[in-house]
Amino acid sequence: MTINSSKRQCAICSSNDFSVFFKQMYLIDKLFFDLVRCNECGIVFVDPLPSKRQREQMYSRDYFEGNKVSGMRERGYLEDRERYEREYSKIFSTLSRFKRPIGKLLDIGCAGGYFLDMARERGWSPEGIDISEWASSYARGHLGLPVYTGEIFDADLPLHSFDVIHAGNVLEHVEGPSAFVKRVYDLLKDDGIFVVGVPIYVNSFLFYTARSITKFLSFFQSKNKGAALTVLKLNKLKLDMPYHLYEFSPHLLKRLLEQAGFTVLHTHSYIEYPETIFNQMGVFYRILQFGFITLDFLSRVFNFKAIHLKAYCTKKTITHNF
């Protein structure tokens, strides 16, 4: 079904020609939210957009203490620091290939501050921003980090002052991704590095495949199957809140970054095994486990882009060997 909207423009190409991608995907305050796709560029996004009050409500203490922030993990953010640190270590390792190891670093969507804490231990001068009052208070109170509560547009930050800006799994949450990336561009030094990570699951054939598989496997009985379907964003009996306002693909992320003036230096795609699936037994879960393992193999062997994508960008072209 095609939607012609004069009230809302596509965040990537400014078109107002949309089609329904997935009806009644999310729910908050008894209001349903659809996913729609731009017929011009292909970006998928939530319609209507949640209000600012609703977005602030979604990122309460429960979001971080539960398993929402972990996505496919059984443990919450506060319980899973070790796993986050393994991921962050890879980021610092990659950054060391581009420039000197010490500088001024900004983490947008810093949550409780684990990435900033690791940066400080490595000699960086860290600052953070997070929309969640609880998360930013935790970073300030428990870790002693300079973290601002709010959005990147609200913070009084000096232009062209940061050597590295990191936004891990943040871009899909913001109301205006184009304005967000341009703001990052203005805050970054001329030779600075922007590290951005996004999920690329929903806006891909993988989502269609998961829908087909789960329908085929619906006859298998399992008391925990609902949790697995929730992880795959396919549990119609337990709709989630619209945390992800936009669903990117690799070429759409690259297009957005280049529109803002960035040059993409390096991308890295990876699979995150969902604990709510891999910690279960039964035919239903065995088939899903095999699917994730196969996908991981394809991504490693053929550089297949799936599930999560991380990009390293700069304002100007720099030649690096990998």
C-alpha atoms as a PDB file:
ATOM      1  CA  MET A   1       0.000   0.000   0.000  1.00  0.00           C
ATOM      2  CA  THR A   2       1.458   3.353  -1.085  1.00  0.00           C
ATOM      3  CA  ILE A   3       1.327   6.350   1.234  1.00  0.00           C
ATOM      4  CA  ASN A   4       1.675   9.879  -0.093  1.00  0.00           C
ATOM      5  CA  SER A   5       2.463  12.171   2.807  1.00  0.00           C
ATOM      6  CA  SER A   6       2.825  15.933   2.570  1.00  0.00           C
ATOM      7  CA  LYS A   7       3.629  16.224   6.277  1.00  0.00           C
ATOM      8  CA  ARG A   8       6.776  14.118   6.472  1.00  0.00           C
ATOM      9  CA  GLN A   9       9.840  13.856   4.263  1.00  0.00           C
ATOM     10  CA  CYS A  10      12.323  11.019   3.956  1.00  0.00           C
ATOM     11  CA  ALA A  11      15.410  11.564   6.104  1.00  0.00           C
ATOM     12  CA  ILE A  12      17.697  10.432   3.272  1.00  0.00           C
ATOM     13  CA  CYS A  13      16.228  11.694  -0.009  1.00  0.00           C
ATOM     14  CA  SER A  14      13.435  14.112   1.087  1.00  0.00           C
ATOM     15  CA  SER A  15      10.755  12.155  -0.796  1.00  0.00           C
ATOM     16  CA  ASN A  16       7.229  11.863   0.629  1.00  0.00           C
ATOM     17  CA  ASP A  17       6.311   8.710  -1.312  1.00  0.00           C
ATOM     18  CA  PHE A  18       6.143   5.796   1.149  1.00  0.00           C
ATOM     19  CA  SER A  19       4.753   2.248   1.317  1.00  0.00           C
ATOM     20  CA  VAL A  20       3.748   0.183   4.333  1.00  0.00           C
ATOM     21  CA  PHE A  21       6.599  -2.207   5.177  1.00  0.00           C
ATOM     22  CA  PHE A  22       5.233  -3.841   8.344  1.00  0.00           C
ATOM     23  CA  LYS A  23       1.903  -2.883   9.859  1.00  0.00           C
ATOM     24  CA  GLN A  24       1.543  -2.480  13.641  1.00  0.00           C
ATOM     25  CA  MET A  25       5.186  -3.266  14.358  1.00  0.00           C
ATOM     26  CA  TYR A  26       5.414  -1.426  17.696  1.00  0.00           C
ATOM     27  CA  LEU A  27       3.173  -0.266  20.520  1.00  0.00           C
ATOM     28  CA  ILE A  28       3.414   2.440  23.177  1.00  0.00           C
ATOM     29  CA  ASP A  29       0.702   4.183  25.207  1.00  0.00           C
ATOM     30  CA  LYS A  30      -1.908   2.021  23.410  1.00  0.00           C
ATOM     31  CA  LEU A  31      -0.812   3.572  20.101  1.00  0.00           C
ATOM     32  CA  PHE A  32       0.349   1.354  17.233  1.00  0.00           C
ATOM     33  CA  PHE A  33       3.345   2.287  15.091  1.00  0.00           C
ATOM     34  CA  ASP A  34       3.912   0.990  11.552  1.00  0.00           C
ATOM     35  CA  LEU A  35       7.130   0.564   9.641  1.00  0.00           C
ATOM     36  CA  VAL A  36       7.073   2.258   6.233  1.00  0.00           C
ATOM     37  CA  ARG A  37       9.600   2.238   3.399  1.00  0.00           C
ATOM     38  CA  CYS A  38      10.577   5.175   1.217  1.00  0.00           C
ATOM     39  CA  ASN A  39       9.814   4.257  -2.400  1.00  0.00           C
ATOM     40  CA  GLU A  40      12.683   6.436  -3.626  1.00  0.00           C
ATOM     41  CA  CYS A  41      15.725   5.399  -1.555  1.00  0.00           C
ATOM     42  CA  GLY A  42      14.502   2.389   0.445  1.00  0.00           C
ATOM     43  CA  ILE A  43      15.011   3.610   4.021  1.00  0.00           C
ATOM     44  CA  VAL A  44      12.584   2.005   6.492  1.00  0.00           C
ATOM     45  CA  PHE A  45      11.269   4.070   9.399  1.00  0.00           C
ATOM     46  CA  VAL A  46       8.623   4.245  12.117  1.00  0.00           C
ATOM     47  CA  ASP A  47       5.366   6.021  11.356  1.00  0.00           C
ATOM     48  CA  PRO A  48       4.219   8.065  13.158  1.00  0.00           C
ATOM     49  CA  LEU A  49       7.294   9.243  15.010  1.00  0.00           C
ATOM     50  CA  PRO A  50       7.015   8.939  18.806  1.00  0.00           C
ATOM     51  CA  SER A  51       6.882  12.269  20.603  1.00  0.00           C
ATOM     52  CA  LYS A  52       9.886  13.542  22.550  1.00  0.00           C
ATOM     53  CA  ARG A  53       8.046  12.711  25.782  1.00  0.00           C
ATOM     54  CA  GLN A  54       7.464   9.148  24.608  1.00  0.00           C
ATOM     55  CA  ARG A  55      11.118   8.744  23.585  1.00  0.00           C
ATOM     56  CA  GLU A  56      12.329   9.983  26.969  1.00  0.00           C
ATOM     57  CA  GLN A  57       9.871   7.633  28.651  1.00  0.00           C
ATOM     58  CA  MET A  58      11.279   4.640  26.745  1.00  0.00           C
ATOM     59  CA  TYR A  59      14.805   5.137  28.099  1.00  0.00           C
ATOM     60  CA  SER A  60      14.042   4.878  31.792  1.00  0.00           C
ATOM     61  CA  ARG A  61      16.009   2.933  34.392  1.00  0.00           C
ATOM     62  CA  ASP A  62      14.135  -0.243  33.414  1.00  0.00           C
ATOM     63  CA  TYR A  63      15.559   0.010  29.884  1.00  0.00           C
ATOM     64  CA  PHE A  64      19.121  -0.253  31.185  1.00  0.00           C
ATOM     65  CA  GLU A  65      18.560  -2.639  34.079  1.00  0.00           C
ATOM     66  CA  GLY A  66      16.472  -4.998  31.959  1.00  0.00           C
ATOM     67  CA  ASN A  67      17.557  -6.621  28.696  1.00  0.00           C
ATOM     68  CA  LYS A  68      16.237  -4.010  26.257  1.00  0.00           C
ATOM     69  CA  VAL A  69      19.544  -2.241  25.791  1.00  0.00           C
ATOM     70  CA  SER A  70      21.220  -5.591  25.213  1.00  0.00           C
ATOM     71  CA  GLY A  71      18.920  -6.425  22.350  1.00  0.00           C
ATOM     72  CA  MET A  72      19.417 -10.160  21.992  1.00  0.00           C
ATOM     73  CA  ARG A  73      21.033 -10.727  25.385  1.00  0.00           C
ATOM     74  CA  GLU A  74      19.506 -12.171  28.514  1.00  0.00           C
ATOM     75  CA  ARG A  75      21.392  -9.813  30.826  1.00  0.00           C
ATOM     76  CA  GLY A  76      20.912  -6.072  31.110  1.00  0.00           C
ATOM     77  CA  TYR A  77      23.434  -3.308  30.452  1.00  0.00           C
ATOM     78  CA  LEU A  78      24.714  -3.080  34.032  1.00  0.00           C
ATOM     79  CA  GLU A  79      25.280  -6.851  34.261  1.00  0.00           C
ATOM     80  CA  ASP A  80      27.009  -7.160  30.911  1.00  0.00           C
ATOM     81  CA  ARG A  81      29.976  -4.797  31.163  1.00  0.00           C
ATOM     82  CA  GLU A  82      32.528  -7.478  30.279  1.00  0.00           C
ATOM     83  CA  ARG A  83      30.821  -8.211  26.988  1.00  0.00           C
ATOM     84  CA  TYR A  84      30.588  -4.536  26.095  1.00  0.00           C
ATOM     85  CA  GLU A  85      34.263  -4.064  26.897  1.00  0.00           C
ATOM     86  CA  ARG A  86      35.223  -6.812  24.454  1.00  0.00           C
ATOM     87  CA  GLU A  87      33.360  -4.942  21.735  1.00  0.00           C
ATOM     88  CA  TYR A  88      34.853  -1.589  22.726  1.00  0.00           C
ATOM     89  CA  SER A  89      38.391  -3.002  22.749  1.00  0.00           C
ATOM     90  CA  LYS A  90      37.998  -3.794  19.046  1.00  0.00           C
ATOM     91  CA  ILE A  91      37.013  -0.185  18.387  1.00  0.00           C
ATOM     92  CA  PHE A  92      40.107   1.190  20.119  1.00  0.00           C
ATOM     93  CA  SER A  93      42.260  -1.313  18.241  1.00  0.00           C
ATOM     94  CA  THR A  94      40.850  -0.115  14.914  1.00  0.00           C
ATOM     95  CA  LEU A  95      41.220   3.543  15.887  1.00  0.00           C
ATOM     96  CA  SER A  96      44.911   3.000  16.579  1.00  0.00           C
ATOM     97  CA  ARG A  97      45.375   2.226  12.882  1.00  0.00           C
ATOM     98  CA  PHE A  98      44.114   5.647  11.863  1.00  0.00           C
ATOM     99  CA  LYS A  99      45.729   8.185  14.184  1.00  0.00           C
ATOM    100  CA  ARG A 100      47.582   8.801  17.427  1.00  0.00           C
ATOM    101  CA  PRO A 101      46.173   6.787  20.352  1.00  0.00           C
ATOM    102  CA  ILE A 102      45.360   9.752  22.626  1.00  0.00           C
ATOM    103  CA  GLY A 103      43.004  12.697  22.055  1.00  0.00           C
ATOM    104  CA  LYS A 104      39.637  14.209  22.884  1.00  0.00           C
ATOM    105  CA  LEU A 105      36.733  11.765  22.576  1.00  0.00           C
ATOM    106  CA  LEU A 106      32.953  12.251  22.587  1.00  0.00           C
ATOM    107  CA  ASP A 107      30.535   9.344  23.050  1.00  0.00           C
ATOM    108  CA  ILE A 108      26.982  10.122  21.916  1.00  0.00           C
ATOM    109  CA  GLY A 109      24.421   7.850  23.528  1.00  0.00           C
ATOM    110  CA  CYS A 110      26.996   6.889  26.132  1.00  0.00           C
ATOM    111  CA  ALA A 111      24.517   5.064  28.421  1.00  0.00           C
ATOM    112  CA  GLY A 112      26.179   4.291  31.765  1.00  0.00           C
ATOM    113  CA  GLY A 113      29.615   5.321  30.502  1.00  0.00           C
ATOM    114  CA  TYR A 114      31.461   2.032  29.970  1.00  0.00           C
ATOM    115  CA  PHE A 115      32.998   3.144  26.661  1.00  0.00           C
ATOM    116  CA  LEU A 116      34.052   6.480  28.168  1.00  0.00           C
ATOM    117  CA  ASP A 117      35.580   4.737  31.170  1.00  0.00           C
ATOM    118  CA  MET A 118      37.669   2.523  28.897  1.00  0.00           C
ATOM    119  CA  ALA A 119      38.723   5.574  26.883  1.00  0.00           C
ATOM    120  CA  ARG A 120      39.863   7.350  30.043  1.00  0.00           C
ATOM    121  CA  GLU A 121      41.903   4.308  31.088  1.00  0.00           C
ATOM    122  CA  ARG A 122      43.661   4.469  27.716  1.00  0.00           C
ATOM    123  CA  GLY A 123      44.587   8.123  28.137  1.00  0.00           C
ATOM    124  CA  TRP A 124      41.777   9.767  26.190  1.00  0.00           C
ATOM    125  CA  SER A 125      39.972  12.888  27.424  1.00  0.00           C
ATOM    126  CA  PRO A 126      36.339  11.664  27.383  1.00  0.00           C
ATOM    127  CA  GLU A 127      32.970  13.427  27.304  1.00  0.00           C
ATOM    128  CA  GLY A 128      29.524  11.909  26.890  1.00  0.00           C
ATOM    129  CA  ILE A 129      25.906  12.678  26.036  1.00  0.00           C
ATOM    130  CA  ASP A 130      22.810  10.594  26.709  1.00  0.00           C
ATOM    131  CA  ILE A 131      19.100  11.332  26.546  1.00  0.00           C
ATOM    132  CA  SER A 132      18.440   9.175  29.608  1.00  0.00           C
ATOM    133  CA  GLU A 133      18.531  11.036  32.917  1.00  0.00           C
ATOM    134  CA  TRP A 134      19.132   7.777  34.763  1.00  0.00           C
ATOM    135  CA  ALA A 135      22.003   6.602  32.515  1.00  0.00           C
ATOM    136  CA  SER A 136      23.822   9.938  32.475  1.00  0.00           C
ATOM    137  CA  SER A 137      23.437  10.241  36.258  1.00  0.00           C
ATOM    138  CA  TYR A 138      24.906   6.759  36.642  1.00  0.00           C
ATOM    139  CA  ALA A 139      27.923   7.703  34.502  1.00  0.00           C
ATOM    140  CA  ARG A 140      28.510  10.874  36.499  1.00  0.00           C
ATOM    141  CA  GLY A 141      27.826   9.431  39.950  1.00  0.00           C
ATOM    142  CA  HIS A 142      29.358   5.953  39.732  1.00  0.00           C
ATOM    143  CA  LEU A 143      32.169   6.525  37.240  1.00  0.00           C
ATOM    144  CA  GLY A 144      32.912  10.235  37.703  1.00  0.00           C
ATOM    145  CA  LEU A 145      32.555  10.981  33.997  1.00  0.00           C
ATOM    146  CA  PRO A 146      31.645  14.326  32.377  1.00  0.00           C
ATOM    147  CA  VAL A 147      28.303  13.379  30.813  1.00  0.00           C
ATOM    148  CA  TYR A 148      25.569  15.738  29.607  1.00  0.00           C
ATOM    149  CA  THR A 149      21.892  14.765  29.835  1.00  0.00           C
ATOM    150  CA  GLY A 150      20.037  15.531  26.614  1.00  0.00           C
ATOM    151  CA  GLU A 151      20.499  15.400  22.863  1.00  0.00           C
ATOM    152  CA  ILE A 152      23.509  16.370  20.794  1.00  0.00           C
ATOM    153  CA  PHE A 153      21.770  19.528  19.562  1.00  0.00           C
ATOM    154  CA  ASP A 154      21.179  20.744  23.120  1.00  0.00           C
ATOM    155  CA  ALA A 155      24.744  20.370  24.381  1.00  0.00           C
ATOM    156  CA  ASP A 156      26.983  23.451  24.289  1.00  0.00           C
ATOM    157  CA  LEU A 157      30.028  21.858  22.678  1.00  0.00           C
ATOM    158  CA  PRO A 158      32.839  23.697  20.852  1.00  0.00           C
ATOM    159  CA  LEU A 159      32.966  23.136  17.110  1.00  0.00           C
ATOM    160  CA  HIS A 160      35.858  21.233  15.499  1.00  0.00           C
ATOM    161  CA  SER A 161      37.133  20.108  18.903  1.00  0.00           C
ATOM    162  CA  PHE A 162      36.961  16.301  19.028  1.00  0.00           C
ATOM    163  CA  ASP A 163      39.508  13.830  17.713  1.00  0.00           C
ATOM    164  CA  VAL A 164      37.034  10.943  17.853  1.00  0.00           C
ATOM    165  CA  ILE A 165      33.243  10.867  18.068  1.00  0.00           C
ATOM    166  CA  HIS A 166      31.562   7.541  18.746  1.00  0.00           C
ATOM    167  CA  ALA A 167      27.858   6.771  18.263  1.00  0.00           C
ATOM    168  CA  GLY A 168      27.253   3.068  18.761  1.00  0.00           C
ATOM    169  CA  ASN A 169      23.690   1.926  18.066  1.00  0.00           C
ATOM    170  CA  VAL A 170      22.422   5.494  18.357  1.00  0.00           C
ATOM    171  CA  LEU A 171      21.674   6.728  14.839  1.00  0.00           C
ATOM    172  CA  GLU A 172      18.632   4.463  14.493  1.00  0.00           C
ATOM    173  CA  HIS A 173      17.149   6.045  17.646  1.00  0.00           C
ATOM    174  CA  VAL A 174      17.341   9.736  16.664  1.00  0.00           C
ATOM    175  CA  GLU A 175      14.501  11.715  15.111  1.00  0.00           C
ATOM    176  CA  GLY A 176      16.614  13.384  12.413  1.00  0.00           C
ATOM    177  CA  PRO A 177      19.571  11.205  11.324  1.00  0.00           C
ATOM    178  CA  SER A 178      20.711  13.630   8.620  1.00  0.00           C
ATOM    179  CA  ALA A 179      20.889  16.593  11.014  1.00  0.00           C
ATOM    180  CA  PHE A 180      22.554  14.341  13.596  1.00  0.00           C
ATOM    181  CA  VAL A 181      25.374  13.326  11.238  1.00  0.00           C
ATOM    182  CA  LYS A 182      25.898  16.929  10.121  1.00  0.00           C
ATOM    183  CA  ARG A 183      26.152  18.004  13.763  1.00  0.00           C
ATOM    184  CA  VAL A 184      28.810  15.341  14.327  1.00  0.00           C
ATOM    185  CA  TYR A 185      30.678  16.638  11.274  1.00  0.00           C
ATOM    186  CA  ASP A 186      30.744  20.149  12.751  1.00  0.00           C
ATOM    187  CA  LEU A 187      31.994  18.945  16.153  1.00  0.00           C
ATOM    188  CA  LEU A 188      34.794  16.822  14.706  1.00  0.00           C
ATOM    189  CA  LYS A 189      38.301  18.092  14.008  1.00  0.00           C
ATOM    190  CA  ASP A 190      39.347  18.189  10.359  1.00  0.00           C
ATOM    191  CA  ASP A 191      41.390  15.007  10.766  1.00  0.00           C
ATOM    192  CA  GLY A 192      39.025  13.428  13.298  1.00  0.00           C
ATOM    193  CA  ILE A 193      37.350  10.032  13.110  1.00  0.00           C
ATOM    194  CA  PHE A 194      33.621   9.334  13.403  1.00  0.00           C
ATOM    195  CA  VAL A 195      32.757   5.789  14.503  1.00  0.00           C
ATOM    196  CA  VAL A 196      29.113   4.886  13.917  1.00  0.00           C
ATOM    197  CA  GLY A 197      27.379   1.556  14.432  1.00  0.00           C
ATOM    198  CA  VAL A 198      23.849   0.586  13.395  1.00  0.00           C
ATOM    199  CA  PRO A 199      21.767  -2.596  13.200  1.00  0.00           C
ATOM    200  CA  ILE A 200      20.930  -3.555   9.608  1.00  0.00           C
ATOM    201  CA  TYR A 201      18.645  -6.510  10.302  1.00  0.00           C
ATOM    202  CA  VAL A 202      15.109  -5.257   9.655  1.00  0.00           C
ATOM    203  CA  ASN A 203      15.817  -3.451   6.365  1.00  0.00           C
ATOM    204  CA  SER A 204      17.205  -6.576   4.684  1.00  0.00           C
ATOM    205  CA  PHE A 205      16.181  -9.904   3.200  1.00  0.00           C
ATOM    206  CA  LEU A 206      17.207 -11.479   6.513  1.00  0.00           C
ATOM    207  CA  PHE A 207      14.094 -10.082   8.138  1.00  0.00           C
ATOM    208  CA  TYR A 208      11.962 -11.584   5.384  1.00  0.00           C
ATOM    209  CA  THR A 209      13.769 -14.898   5.838  1.00  0.00           C
ATOM    210  CA  ALA A 210      13.197 -14.849   9.587  1.00  0.00           C
ATOM    211  CA  ARG A 211       9.505 -14.154   9.021  1.00  0.00           C
ATOM    212  CA  SER A 212       9.243 -17.140   6.681  1.00  0.00           C
ATOM    213  CA  ILE A 213      11.150 -19.477   9.005  1.00  0.00           C
ATOM    214  CA  THR A 214       9.163 -18.589  12.105  1.00  0.00           C
ATOM    215  CA  LYS A 215       5.881 -19.082  10.262  1.00  0.00           C
ATOM    216  CA  PHE A 216       7.090 -22.487   9.063  1.00  0.00           C
ATOM    217  CA  LEU A 217       8.186 -23.439  12.571  1.00  0.00           C
ATOM    218  CA  SER A 218       5.048 -22.194  14.283  1.00  0.00           C
ATOM    219  CA  PHE A 219       3.833 -25.740  14.942  1.00  0.00           C
ATOM    220  CA  PHE A 220       6.778 -26.462  17.243  1.00  0.00           C
ATOM    221  CA  GLN A 221       5.704 -26.015  20.852  1.00  0.00           C
ATOM    222  CA  SER A 222       7.965 -24.191  23.273  1.00  0.00           C
ATOM    223  CA  LYS A 223       7.157 -22.202  26.373  1.00  0.00           C
ATOM    224  CA  ASN A 224      10.000 -19.780  25.613  1.00  0.00           C
ATOM    225  CA  LYS A 225       9.365 -19.422  21.896  1.00  0.00           C
ATOM    226  CA  GLY A 226       7.772 -16.022  22.437  1.00  0.00           C
ATOM    227  CA  ALA A 227      11.094 -14.643  23.711  1.00  0.00           C
ATOM    228  CA  ALA A 228      12.854 -15.841  20.566  1.00  0.00           C
ATOM    229  CA  LEU A 229      10.204 -14.254  18.354  1.00  0.00           C
ATOM    230  CA  THR A 230      10.582 -11.008  20.296  1.00  0.00           C
ATOM    231  CA  VAL A 231      14.334 -11.044  19.596  1.00  0.00           C
ATOM    232  CA  LEU A 232      13.575 -11.490  15.896  1.00  0.00           C
ATOM    233  CA  LYS A 233      10.994  -8.647  16.084  1.00  0.00           C
ATOM    234  CA  LEU A 234       8.257 -11.073  15.066  1.00  0.00           C
ATOM    235  CA  ASN A 235       6.208 -11.580  18.229  1.00  0.00           C
ATOM    236  CA  LYS A 236       2.810 -10.127  17.369  1.00  0.00           C
ATOM    237  CA  LEU A 237       1.498 -11.079  20.817  1.00  0.00           C
ATOM    238  CA  LYS A 238       4.054  -8.907  22.625  1.00  0.00           C
ATOM    239  CA  LEU A 239       4.809  -5.771  20.664  1.00  0.00           C
ATOM    240  CA  ASP A 240       7.859  -3.765  21.647  1.00  0.00           C
ATOM    241  CA  MET A 241       8.196  -0.004  21.911  1.00  0.00           C
ATOM    242  CA  PRO A 242       9.480   1.882  18.829  1.00  0.00           C
ATOM    243  CA  TYR A 243      13.072   2.193  19.988  1.00  0.00           C
ATOM    244  CA  HIS A 244      14.481   2.066  16.451  1.00  0.00           C
ATOM    245  CA  LEU A 245      13.017   4.964  14.495  1.00  0.00           C
ATOM    246  CA  TYR A 246      15.046   4.146  11.367  1.00  0.00           C
ATOM    247  CA  GLU A 247      16.243   0.886   9.821  1.00  0.00           C
ATOM    248  CA  PHE A 248      19.373   1.297   7.711  1.00  0.00           C
ATOM    249  CA  SER A 249      21.132  -0.800   5.098  1.00  0.00           C
ATOM    250  CA  PRO A 250      24.873  -0.610   4.286  1.00  0.00           C
ATOM    251  CA  HIS A 251      24.433   1.548   1.182  1.00  0.00           C
ATOM    252  CA  LEU A 252      21.946   3.869   2.908  1.00  0.00           C
ATOM    253  CA  LEU A 253      24.306   4.455   5.828  1.00  0.00           C
ATOM    254  CA  LYS A 254      27.137   5.222   3.398  1.00  0.00           C
ATOM    255  CA  ARG A 255      24.891   7.603   1.463  1.00  0.00           C
ATOM    256  CA  LEU A 256      23.859   9.448   4.631  1.00  0.00           C
ATOM    257  CA  LEU A 257      27.476   9.837   5.759  1.00  0.00           C
ATOM    258  CA  GLU A 258      28.671  11.044   2.361  1.00  0.00           C
ATOM    259  CA  GLN A 259      25.821  13.557   2.133  1.00  0.00           C
ATOM    260  CA  ALA A 260      27.162  15.134   5.327  1.00  0.00           C
ATOM    261  CA  GLY A 261      30.691  15.341   3.882  1.00  0.00           C
ATOM    262  CA  PHE A 262      32.273  12.220   5.362  1.00  0.00           C
ATOM    263  CA  THR A 263      34.504   9.719   3.610  1.00  0.00           C
ATOM    264  CA  VAL A 264      34.021   6.132   4.764  1.00  0.00           C
ATOM    265  CA  LEU A 265      37.424   4.615   5.513  1.00  0.00           C
ATOM    266  CA  HIS A 266      36.502   1.197   6.820  1.00  0.00           C
ATOM    267  CA  THR A 267      33.405  -0.871   7.584  1.00  0.00           C
ATOM    268  CA  HIS A 268      33.019  -3.936   9.752  1.00  0.00           C
ATOM    269  CA  SER A 269      30.000  -6.243   9.829  1.00  0.00           C
ATOM    270  CA  TYR A 270      29.365  -8.754  12.568  1.00  0.00           C
ATOM    271  CA  ILE A 271      26.821 -11.217  13.924  1.00  0.00           C
ATOM    272  CA  GLU A 272      25.706 -11.179  17.536  1.00  0.00           C
ATOM    273  CA  TYR A 273      24.413 -14.546  18.707  1.00  0.00           C
ATOM    274  CA  PRO A 274      21.144 -14.050  20.651  1.00  0.00           C
ATOM    275  CA  GLU A 275      21.416 -15.652  24.075  1.00  0.00           C
ATOM    276  CA  THR A 276      17.640 -16.078  24.275  1.00  0.00           C
ATOM    277  CA  ILE A 277      17.942 -18.486  21.332  1.00  0.00           C
ATOM    278  CA  PHE A 278      21.312 -20.155  21.899  1.00  0.00           C
ATOM    279  CA  ASN A 279      20.632 -20.961  25.558  1.00  0.00           C
ATOM    280  CA  GLN A 280      17.542 -23.011  24.697  1.00  0.00           C
ATOM    281  CA  MET A 281      16.920 -26.593  23.562  1.00  0.00           C
ATOM    282  CA  GLY A 282      14.473 -28.082  21.058  1.00  0.00           C
ATOM    283  CA  VAL A 283      13.966 -28.344  17.300  1.00  0.00           C
ATOM    284  CA  PHE A 284      12.682 -24.777  16.971  1.00  0.00           C
ATOM    285  CA  TYR A 285      15.831 -23.347  18.544  1.00  0.00           C
ATOM    286  CA  ARG A 286      18.217 -25.759  16.806  1.00  0.00           C
ATOM    287  CA  ILE A 287      17.012 -24.577  13.411  1.00  0.00           C
ATOM    288  CA  LEU A 288      17.337 -20.922  14.411  1.00  0.00           C
ATOM    289  CA  GLN A 289      20.810 -21.584  15.845  1.00  0.00           C
ATOM    290  CA  PHE A 290      21.893 -23.216  12.587  1.00  0.00           C
ATOM    291  CA  GLY A 291      20.617 -20.182  10.700  1.00  0.00           C
ATOM    292  CA  PHE A 292      22.685 -17.751  12.793  1.00  0.00           C
ATOM    293  CA  ILE A 293      25.825 -19.900  12.538  1.00  0.00           C
ATOM    294  CA  THR A 294      25.424 -20.156   8.754  1.00  0.00           C
ATOM    295  CA  LEU A 295      24.909 -16.402   8.504  1.00  0.00           C
ATOM    296  CA  ASP A 296      28.022 -15.771  10.578  1.00  0.00           C
ATOM    297  CA  PHE A 297      30.040 -18.048   8.279  1.00  0.00           C
ATOM    298  CA  LEU A 298      28.804 -16.258   5.152  1.00  0.00           C
ATOM    299  CA  SER A 299      29.586 -12.851   6.626  1.00  0.00           C
ATOM    300  CA  ARG A 300      33.152 -13.867   7.459  1.00  0.00           C
ATOM    301  CA  VAL A 301      33.946 -15.667   4.205  1.00  0.00           C
ATOM    302  CA  PHE A 302      32.167 -13.402   1.719  1.00  0.00           C
ATOM    303  CA  ASN A 303      32.159 -10.113   3.688  1.00  0.00           C
ATOM    304  CA  PHE A 304      28.390 -10.450   3.780  1.00  0.00           C
ATOM    305  CA  LYS A 305      26.728  -7.513   5.572  1.00  0.00           C
ATOM    306  CA  ALA A 306      24.308  -8.749   8.216  1.00  0.00           C
ATOM    307  CA  ILE A 307      22.797  -7.867  11.599  1.00  0.00           C
ATOM    308  CA  HIS A 308      25.230  -5.113  12.708  1.00  0.00           C
ATOM    309  CA  LEU A 309      27.438  -2.671  10.792  1.00  0.00           C
ATOM    310  CA  LYS A 310      30.155  -0.352  12.074  1.00  0.00           C
ATOM    311  CA  ALA A 311      31.706   2.382   9.924  1.00  0.00           C
ATOM    312  CA  TYR A 312      34.816   4.520  10.481  1.00  0.00           C
ATOM    313  CA  CYS A 313      34.715   7.872   8.696  1.00  0.00           C
ATOM    314  CA  THR A 314      36.722  11.044   8.326  1.00  0.00           C
ATOM    315  CA  LYS A 315      36.213  14.486   6.826  1.00  0.00           C
ATOM    316  CA  LYS A 316      38.925  13.989   4.265  1.00  0.00           C
ATOM    317  CA  THR A 317      40.332  11.074   2.309  1.00  0.00           C
ATOM    318  CA  ILE A 318      43.117   9.241   4.119  1.00  0.00           C
ATOM    319  CA  THR A 319      44.764   6.152   2.697  1.00  0.00           C
ATOM    320  CA  HIS A 320      45.058   3.191   5.046  1.00  0.00           C
ATOM    321  CA  ASN A 321      46.008  -0.402   4.459  1.00  0.00           C
ATOM    322  CA  PHE A 322      44.027  -3.207   6.117  1.00  0.00           C
END
